[in-house]
PDB file of all heavy atoms in Angstrom:
ATOM      1  N   LYS A   1    -209.423  35.125 -17.508  1.00  0.00           N
ATOM      2  CA  LYS A   1    -208.625  34.887 -18.712  1.00  0.00           C
ATOM      3  C   LYS A   1    -208.360  33.398 -18.914  1.00  0.00           C
ATOM      4  O   LYS A   1    -208.384  32.904 -20.049  1.00  0.00           O
ATOM      5  CB  LYS A   1    -207.307  35.654 -18.644  1.00  0.00           C
ATOM      6  CG  LYS A   1    -207.485  37.139 -18.847  1.00  0.00           C
ATOM      7  CD  LYS A   1    -206.181  37.891 -18.745  1.00  0.00           C
ATOM      8  CE  LYS A   1    -206.437  39.386 -18.910  1.00  0.00           C
ATOM      9  NZ  LYS A   1    -205.225  40.171 -18.766  1.00  0.00           N
ATOM     10  N   THR A   2    -208.123  32.692 -17.822  1.00  0.00           N
ATOM     11  CA  THR A   2    -207.844  31.261 -17.926  1.00  0.00           C
ATOM     12  C   THR A   2    -209.097  30.500 -18.344  1.00  0.00           C
ATOM     13  O   THR A   2    -209.025  29.588 -19.181  1.00  0.00           O
ATOM     14  CB  THR A   2    -207.310  30.714 -16.585  1.00  0.00           C
ATOM     15  OG1 THR A   2    -206.195  31.496 -16.188  1.00  0.00           O
ATOM     16  CG2 THR A   2    -206.880  29.280 -16.708  1.00  0.00           C
ATOM     17  N   LEU A   3    -210.240  30.867 -17.780  1.00  0.00           N
ATOM     18  CA  LEU A   3    -211.490  30.216 -18.180  1.00  0.00           C
ATOM     19  C   LEU A   3    -211.827  30.528 -19.643  1.00  0.00           C
ATOM     20  O   LEU A   3    -212.280  29.659 -20.384  1.00  0.00           O
ATOM     21  CB  LEU A   3    -212.637  30.637 -17.264  1.00  0.00           C
ATOM     22  CG  LEU A   3    -212.614  30.063 -15.849  1.00  0.00           C
ATOM     23  CD1 LEU A   3    -213.716  30.689 -14.997  1.00  0.00           C
ATOM     24  CD2 LEU A   3    -212.746  28.539 -15.866  1.00  0.00           C
ATOM     25  N   ALA A   4    -211.584  31.779 -20.058  1.00  0.00           N
ATOM     26  CA  ALA A   4    -211.864  32.174 -21.442  1.00  0.00           C
ATOM     27  C   ALA A   4    -210.969  31.435 -22.434  1.00  0.00           C
ATOM     28  O   ALA A   4    -211.381  31.131 -23.549  1.00  0.00           O
ATOM     29  CB  ALA A   4    -211.695  33.681 -21.606  1.00  0.00           C
ATOM     30  N   SER A   5    -209.735  31.134 -22.008  1.00  0.00           N
ATOM     31  CA  SER A   5    -208.813  30.430 -22.911  1.00  0.00           C
ATOM     32  C   SER A   5    -209.145  28.952 -23.031  1.00  0.00           C
ATOM     33  O   SER A   5    -208.665  28.279 -23.936  1.00  0.00           O
ATOM     34  CB  SER A   5    -207.369  30.587 -22.425  1.00  0.00           C
ATOM     35  OG  SER A   5    -207.144  29.773 -21.279  1.00  0.00           O
ATOM     36  N   GLY A   6    -209.948  28.446 -22.095  1.00  0.00           N
ATOM     37  CA  GLY A   6    -210.321  27.038 -22.141  1.00  0.00           C
ATOM     38  C   GLY A   6    -209.240  26.090 -21.644  1.00  0.00           C
ATOM     39  O   GLY A   6    -209.307  24.893 -21.888  1.00  0.00           O
ATOM     40  N   GLN A   7    -208.250  26.623 -20.938  1.00  0.00           N
ATOM     41  CA  GLN A   7    -207.156  25.789 -20.441  1.00  0.00           C
ATOM     42  C   GLN A   7    -207.683  24.782 -19.426  1.00  0.00           C
ATOM     43  O   GLN A   7    -208.405  25.143 -18.498  1.00  0.00           O
ATOM     44  CB  GLN A   7    -206.080  26.667 -19.805  1.00  0.00           C
ATOM     45  CG  GLN A   7    -204.887  25.901 -19.307  1.00  0.00           C
ATOM     46  CD  GLN A   7    -203.866  26.807 -18.625  1.00  0.00           C
ATOM     47  OE1 GLN A   7    -204.080  28.005 -18.488  1.00  0.00           O
ATOM     48  NE2 GLN A   7    -202.769  26.226 -18.207  1.00  0.00           N
ATOM     49  N   ILE A   8    -207.315  23.511 -19.615  1.00  0.00           N
ATOM     50  CA  ILE A   8    -207.728  22.462 -18.684  1.00  0.00           C
ATOM     51  C   ILE A   8    -206.507  21.696 -18.191  1.00  0.00           C
ATOM     52  O   ILE A   8    -205.460  21.691 -18.846  1.00  0.00           O
ATOM     53  CB  ILE A   8    -208.745  21.486 -19.324  1.00  0.00           C
ATOM     54  CG1 ILE A   8    -208.175  20.845 -20.587  1.00  0.00           C
ATOM     55  CG2 ILE A   8    -210.056  22.170 -19.607  1.00  0.00           C
ATOM     56  CD1 ILE A   8    -209.036  19.741 -21.165  1.00  0.00           C
ATOM     57  N   SER A   9    -206.658  21.062 -17.051  1.00  0.00           N
ATOM     58  CA  SER A   9    -205.547  20.293 -16.491  1.00  0.00           C
ATOM     59  C   SER A   9    -205.404  18.968 -17.258  1.00  0.00           C
ATOM     60  O   SER A   9    -206.391  18.416 -17.718  1.00  0.00           O
ATOM     61  CB  SER A   9    -205.769  20.037 -15.002  1.00  0.00           C
ATOM     62  OG  SER A   9    -206.874  19.188 -14.801  1.00  0.00           O
ATOM     63  N   PRO A  10    -204.182  18.475 -17.367  1.00  0.00           N
ATOM     64  CA  PRO A  10    -203.956  17.280 -18.187  1.00  0.00           C
ATOM     65  C   PRO A  10    -204.622  16.002 -17.673  1.00  0.00           C
ATOM     66  O   PRO A  10    -205.232  15.282 -18.445  1.00  0.00           O
ATOM     67  CB  PRO A  10    -202.439  17.108 -18.193  1.00  0.00           C
ATOM     68  CG  PRO A  10    -201.859  18.306 -17.559  1.00  0.00           C
ATOM     69  CD  PRO A  10    -202.947  19.053 -16.890  1.00  0.00           C
ATOM     70  N   ALA A  11    -204.525  15.718 -16.386  1.00  0.00           N
ATOM     71  CA  ALA A  11    -205.023  14.441 -15.879  1.00  0.00           C
ATOM     72  C   ALA A  11    -206.496  14.497 -15.468  1.00  0.00           C
ATOM     73  O   ALA A  11    -207.282  13.626 -15.843  1.00  0.00           O
ATOM     74  CB  ALA A  11    -204.175  13.975 -14.700  1.00  0.00           C
ATOM     75  N   LEU A  12    -206.868  15.515 -14.718  1.00  0.00           N
ATOM     76  CA  LEU A  12    -208.236  15.600 -14.209  1.00  0.00           C
ATOM     77  C   LEU A  12    -209.207  16.251 -15.184  1.00  0.00           C
ATOM     78  O   LEU A  12    -210.420  16.162 -15.000  1.00  0.00           O
ATOM     79  CB  LEU A  12    -208.256  16.375 -12.884  1.00  0.00           C
ATOM     80  CG  LEU A  12    -207.544  15.718 -11.714  1.00  0.00           C
ATOM     81  CD1 LEU A  12    -207.466  16.670 -10.531  1.00  0.00           C
ATOM     82  CD2 LEU A  12    -208.271  14.444 -11.312  1.00  0.00           C
ATOM     83  N   ARG A  13    -208.670  16.947 -16.179  1.00  0.00           N
ATOM     84  CA  ARG A  13    -209.476  17.656 -17.182  1.00  0.00           C
ATOM     85  C   ARG A  13    -210.356  18.735 -16.544  1.00  0.00           C
ATOM     86  O   ARG A  13    -211.461  19.011 -17.002  1.00  0.00           O
ATOM     87  CB  ARG A  13    -210.335  16.682 -18.000  1.00  0.00           C
ATOM     88  CG  ARG A  13    -209.623  15.449 -18.532  1.00  0.00           C
ATOM     89  CD  ARG A  13    -208.537  15.694 -19.515  1.00  0.00           C
ATOM     90  NE  ARG A  13    -209.036  16.265 -20.752  1.00  0.00           N
ATOM     91  CZ  ARG A  13    -208.267  16.853 -21.658  1.00  0.00           C
ATOM     92  NH1 ARG A  13    -206.987  16.956 -21.465  1.00  0.00           N
ATOM     93  NH2 ARG A  13    -208.775  17.353 -22.747  1.00  0.00           N
ATOM     94  N   LEU A  14    -209.843  19.347 -15.469  1.00  0.00           N
ATOM     95  CA  LEU A  14    -210.541  20.448 -14.807  1.00  0.00           C
ATOM     96  C   LEU A  14    -210.169  21.765 -15.463  1.00  0.00           C
ATOM     97  O   LEU A  14    -209.017  21.955 -15.848  1.00  0.00           O
ATOM     98  CB  LEU A  14    -210.129  20.537 -13.337  1.00  0.00           C
ATOM     99  CG  LEU A  14    -210.619  19.477 -12.379  1.00  0.00           C
ATOM    100  CD1 LEU A  14    -209.961  19.680 -11.013  1.00  0.00           C
ATOM    101  CD2 LEU A  14    -212.125  19.550 -12.231  1.00  0.00           C
ATOM    102  N   PRO A  15    -211.119  22.694 -15.573  1.00  0.00           N
ATOM    103  CA  PRO A  15    -210.749  24.030 -16.039  1.00  0.00           C
ATOM    104  C   PRO A  15    -209.761  24.650 -15.056  1.00  0.00           C
ATOM    105  O   PRO A  15    -210.011  24.682 -13.853  1.00  0.00           O
ATOM    106  CB  PRO A  15    -212.070  24.795 -16.043  1.00  0.00           C
ATOM    107  CG  PRO A  15    -213.137  23.747 -16.071  1.00  0.00           C
ATOM    108  CD  PRO A  15    -212.561  22.558 -15.359  1.00  0.00           C
ATOM    109  N   MET A  16    -208.638  25.141 -15.541  1.00  0.00           N
ATOM    110  CA  MET A  16    -207.604  25.685 -14.666  1.00  0.00           C
ATOM    111  C   MET A  16    -208.070  26.954 -13.937  1.00  0.00           C
ATOM    112  O   MET A  16    -207.527  27.301 -12.901  1.00  0.00           O
ATOM    113  CB  MET A  16    -206.329  25.965 -15.460  1.00  0.00           C
ATOM    114  CG  MET A  16    -205.592  24.698 -15.867  1.00  0.00           C
ATOM    115  SD  MET A  16    -205.121  23.652 -14.475  1.00  0.00           S
ATOM    116  CE  MET A  16    -203.905  24.664 -13.667  1.00  0.00           C
ATOM    117  N   GLY A  17    -209.081  27.611 -14.459  1.00  0.00           N
ATOM    118  CA  GLY A  17    -209.640  28.766 -13.769  1.00  0.00           C
ATOM    119  C   GLY A  17    -210.165  28.389 -12.390  1.00  0.00           C
ATOM    120  O   GLY A  17    -210.087  29.178 -11.449  1.00  0.00           O
ATOM    121  N   TRP A  18    -210.702  27.181 -12.244  1.00  0.00           N
ATOM    122  CA  TRP A  18    -211.180  26.727 -10.932  1.00  0.00           C
ATOM    123  C   TRP A  18    -210.007  26.582  -9.966  1.00  0.00           C
ATOM    124  O   TRP A  18    -210.127  26.891  -8.796  1.00  0.00           O
ATOM    125  CB  TRP A  18    -211.889  25.393 -11.048  1.00  0.00           C
ATOM    126  CG  TRP A  18    -213.190  25.427 -11.793  1.00  0.00           C
ATOM    127  CD1 TRP A  18    -213.759  26.484 -12.439  1.00  0.00           C
ATOM    128  CD2 TRP A  18    -214.066  24.328 -11.976  1.00  0.00           C
ATOM    129  NE1 TRP A  18    -214.932  26.105 -13.025  1.00  0.00           N
ATOM    130  CE2 TRP A  18    -215.151  24.778 -12.755  1.00  0.00           C
ATOM    131  CE3 TRP A  18    -214.045  23.001 -11.584  1.00  0.00           C
ATOM    132  CZ2 TRP A  18    -216.193  23.956 -13.118  1.00  0.00           C
ATOM    133  CZ3 TRP A  18    -215.091  22.182 -11.948  1.00  0.00           C
ATOM    134  CH2 TRP A  18    -216.163  22.658 -12.712  1.00  0.00           C
ATOM    135  N   VAL A  19    -208.913  26.091 -10.477  1.00  0.00           N
ATOM    136  CA  VAL A  19    -207.722  25.925  -9.641  1.00  0.00           C
ATOM    137  C   VAL A  19    -207.221  27.293  -9.199  1.00  0.00           C
ATOM    138  O   VAL A  19    -206.940  27.525  -8.017  1.00  0.00           O
ATOM    139  CB  VAL A  19    -206.620  25.154 -10.395  1.00  0.00           C
ATOM    140  CG1 VAL A  19    -205.359  25.047  -9.564  1.00  0.00           C
ATOM    141  CG2 VAL A  19    -207.124  23.765 -10.801  1.00  0.00           C
ATOM    142  N   TYR A  20    -207.110  28.234 -10.135  1.00  0.00           N
ATOM    143  CA  TYR A  20    -206.638  29.577  -9.820  1.00  0.00           C
ATOM    144  C   TYR A  20    -207.651  30.381  -9.007  1.00  0.00           C
ATOM    145  O   TYR A  20    -207.327  31.442  -8.479  1.00  0.00           O
ATOM    146  CB  TYR A  20    -206.280  30.333 -11.092  1.00  0.00           C
ATOM    147  CG  TYR A  20    -205.190  29.678 -11.905  1.00  0.00           C
ATOM    148  CD1 TYR A  20    -205.216  29.718 -13.291  1.00  0.00           C
ATOM    149  CD2 TYR A  20    -204.140  29.010 -11.294  1.00  0.00           C
ATOM    150  CE1 TYR A  20    -204.207  29.120 -14.048  1.00  0.00           C
ATOM    151  CE2 TYR A  20    -203.139  28.403 -12.032  1.00  0.00           C
ATOM    152  CZ  TYR A  20    -203.179  28.463 -13.413  1.00  0.00           C
ATOM    153  OH  TYR A  20    -202.190  27.860 -14.147  1.00  0.00           O
ATOM    154  N   GLY A  21    -208.866  29.879  -8.900  1.00  0.00           N
ATOM    155  CA  GLY A  21    -209.897  30.540  -8.107  1.00  0.00           C
ATOM    156  C   GLY A  21    -209.525  30.661  -6.638  1.00  0.00           C
ATOM    157  O   GLY A  21    -210.119  31.453  -5.902  1.00  0.00           O
ATOM    158  N   ALA A  22    -208.530  29.899  -6.206  1.00  0.00           N
ATOM    159  CA  ALA A  22    -208.071  29.984  -4.813  1.00  0.00           C
ATOM    160  C   ALA A  22    -207.555  31.385  -4.482  1.00  0.00           C
ATOM    161  O   ALA A  22    -207.680  31.829  -3.339  1.00  0.00           O
ATOM    162  CB  ALA A  22    -206.975  28.947  -4.563  1.00  0.00           C
ATOM    163  N   VAL A  23    -207.000  32.069  -5.458  1.00  0.00           N
ATOM    164  CA  VAL A  23    -206.418  33.396  -5.199  1.00  0.00           C
ATOM    165  C   VAL A  23    -207.506  34.412  -4.821  1.00  0.00           C
ATOM    166  O   VAL A  23    -207.416  35.036  -3.753  1.00  0.00           O
ATOM    167  CB  VAL A  23    -205.556  33.877  -6.386  1.00  0.00           C
ATOM    168  CG1 VAL A  23    -205.024  35.277  -6.141  1.00  0.00           C
ATOM    169  CG2 VAL A  23    -204.416  32.904  -6.655  1.00  0.00           C
ATOM    170  N   PRO A  24    -208.546  34.627  -5.650  1.00  0.00           N
ATOM    171  CA  PRO A  24    -209.562  35.600  -5.231  1.00  0.00           C
ATOM    172  C   PRO A  24    -210.381  35.143  -4.020  1.00  0.00           C
ATOM    173  O   PRO A  24    -210.807  35.981  -3.217  1.00  0.00           O
ATOM    174  CB  PRO A  24    -210.450  35.775  -6.470  1.00  0.00           C
ATOM    175  CG  PRO A  24    -210.150  34.637  -7.355  1.00  0.00           C
ATOM    176  CD  PRO A  24    -208.778  34.160  -7.030  1.00  0.00           C
ATOM    177  N   VAL A  25    -210.571  33.842  -3.858  1.00  0.00           N
ATOM    178  CA  VAL A  25    -211.305  33.358  -2.683  1.00  0.00           C
ATOM    179  C   VAL A  25    -210.519  33.692  -1.414  1.00  0.00           C
ATOM    180  O   VAL A  25    -211.067  34.217  -0.441  1.00  0.00           O
ATOM    181  CB  VAL A  25    -211.586  31.840  -2.788  1.00  0.00           C
ATOM    182  CG1 VAL A  25    -212.056  31.269  -1.462  1.00  0.00           C
ATOM    183  CG2 VAL A  25    -212.615  31.564  -3.874  1.00  0.00           C
ATOM    184  N   ALA A  26    -209.224  33.401  -1.413  1.00  0.00           N
ATOM    185  CA  ALA A  26    -208.383  33.725  -0.253  1.00  0.00           C
ATOM    186  C   ALA A  26    -208.341  35.238  -0.034  1.00  0.00           C
ATOM    187  O   ALA A  26    -208.369  35.706   1.113  1.00  0.00           O
ATOM    188  CB  ALA A  26    -206.971  33.172  -0.441  1.00  0.00           C
TER     189      ALA A  26
END
């Protein structure tokens, strides 16, 4: 859902889905 929404971080401009990817990886 986060990747589909296109949400990105303000400073690094990373897709927030990558950040939240820690949950399913863990």
